[in-house]
């Protein structure tokens, strides 16, 4: 790694203040040998005669002995020798990093091209099992340390305290191919499924550590990074791809785009699977993050159509207009859409991966409110901008189906997304209005801000027409769910223990957790006790809002395997999930994909 001329100084044996770089001079053993090329660093100043190194001349007839080593005291008590060099480079936030015992001629004569200077490397290290143990590198880390003759292990303990899980330390100039090497803490080597946390702790540690390491590379403005698989190439890929994502489409100044790939010849299949799952979640994050004036119902449908067609030839997309919605008798959906000038869209997507096209599909339904003002029951202005992501359910289920199509899963899947805005106007729903759903039930709309359940009611009725294997809906439905679980887990309401177990097992693998919520008759009574219609769109009481919302949806479901995922609490990320930057989270896309993957495997084994 080249050091700027202003930071490069020659050292003599007399003490002086700490310099940016310390380079003891070397006297060539052969006077005819060409000196090192210092044209890029500037010639070192001439040392005084008393400090010059005089070559050793042996008596005639004797075999020349090795020249004596001239030493020079270095700051901090270290010592350097002629022919060796020790860099003390100014570093970002990770402290001082050294490069020791690399030959001057070897390091500089090779020359580093601009391409060589754009690659970083992320390596993992485990925590100590006992206090008197030494931290252990991964196999990739051990191999790299051998490649640099043990320099990494030599420098790590003197560069700072032992690395904790998710923490990083950056080393510069260790190897010509990697000007910057980031070592990341992986926690305990034996970490596995944590029954208290309901996730695989080892996989989560890898995701968090690799994400932190890749961001360090991005901050150094390197355009590519090779990533240590850290014992689980899929988790490492997920950490890299999720950790590097940031929505900056509308900014003139953008972060460096970093391309991540697997270091070494490890499990490429697992790495690619991790990239695919993480890319699916990033698609959902992109859809949710885009401003509402850019992400209209029509635009959302077009983006999904494009992604799905690129994913597989076994897909079909139907973008249903308002006229079709009217023909289907979806009065509940239309009552929400009529308040906005943006036309509603009913998006219907099909992936036919099974050899039997007539095999019953899994049906995913997603709430698609591309902006939610609350309607006449208008929201407060604080944080209303976040309601551009009120179509997070539609984003998650559509992105999951795109990922399933890329994986080529041998199952049939249908995705349904009613898309519209919820806006106040002279045509909007008014509190007390009664509307009629597709199944003929009437609904008293006492709160126009409880609109998500209105559009889902018609979509769930339509889902039954496909004779589905299961029905799963996802929606940023209630603030009450955010109050109940926060960002810790998605709330799941289901009438099927079989379906709950499959979702729960998938969430342990992905780290994007779910938690079962009650679907008691106790809550149903609070929504069917209605003055003007068959059912009310809010419960009789203020409490248990997420439960009464699920009970409302249950009135439009007759299928024995149905699950409702309330994802309001996991819509955004502040700093709770370390491998996601602040912004829209795209959760629980990977859990849905993992569920589909396991379902297809179970089906194949049956």
Foldseek 3Di string as FASTA:
>chain_A
DDDALVQDEEDFQDDDDDGQFYFHAADDQDPPDDDADCPRNDDYDDDDPVRDDDFDDDPPPDDDDDTDWDKHADPPRDIDTHQKTWGFHDDDPQATAIDIDDGPRVQRVVDADPLLAQEAEEWEWEDDPDPPDDIGTDPVVVVVCVVLPNRCVVGVVVRDHDAAQLDWHWHADSDSNHRIYIYFYQYHPPQAFDPVLLAGSNLLSLLSRLLSRLVVSQVVLRAEYAYECSPQLLSNLLSNLQSPDDDDPPPPDDTRHYHYDHPDDPDRVSNVLSVLLNVLLSQLQNQLFDFLVCNAQVNVLVVLVVLQVVQAVQKDKDWAWPVVCVVLQAFLLVLQFQQDPRTKTKIKMKGQLAPDSLPAAEEEEFEAACAEQQAPLGDDPVPSRSRNNQRLQLSQVSSLVSSCSNVSQNGMYMYIYTHHHGYYDPSHDDAQDWIAGSVGFIEHENGSSQSRLSNVLNVQLVSVVRVHPAYEYEGLGDPLVCVVQAQSAWEKEWLDPVLVVLLSVLCNHVVRHYDYDYQDVVLLVQFCPDDPTRGYSAGPDDPPGVNNNVSSSVVSDDDNHYMYINCNRNQFDDPPSSSHHGGGRSPDNSSSNSSSVVVSVVVVVD
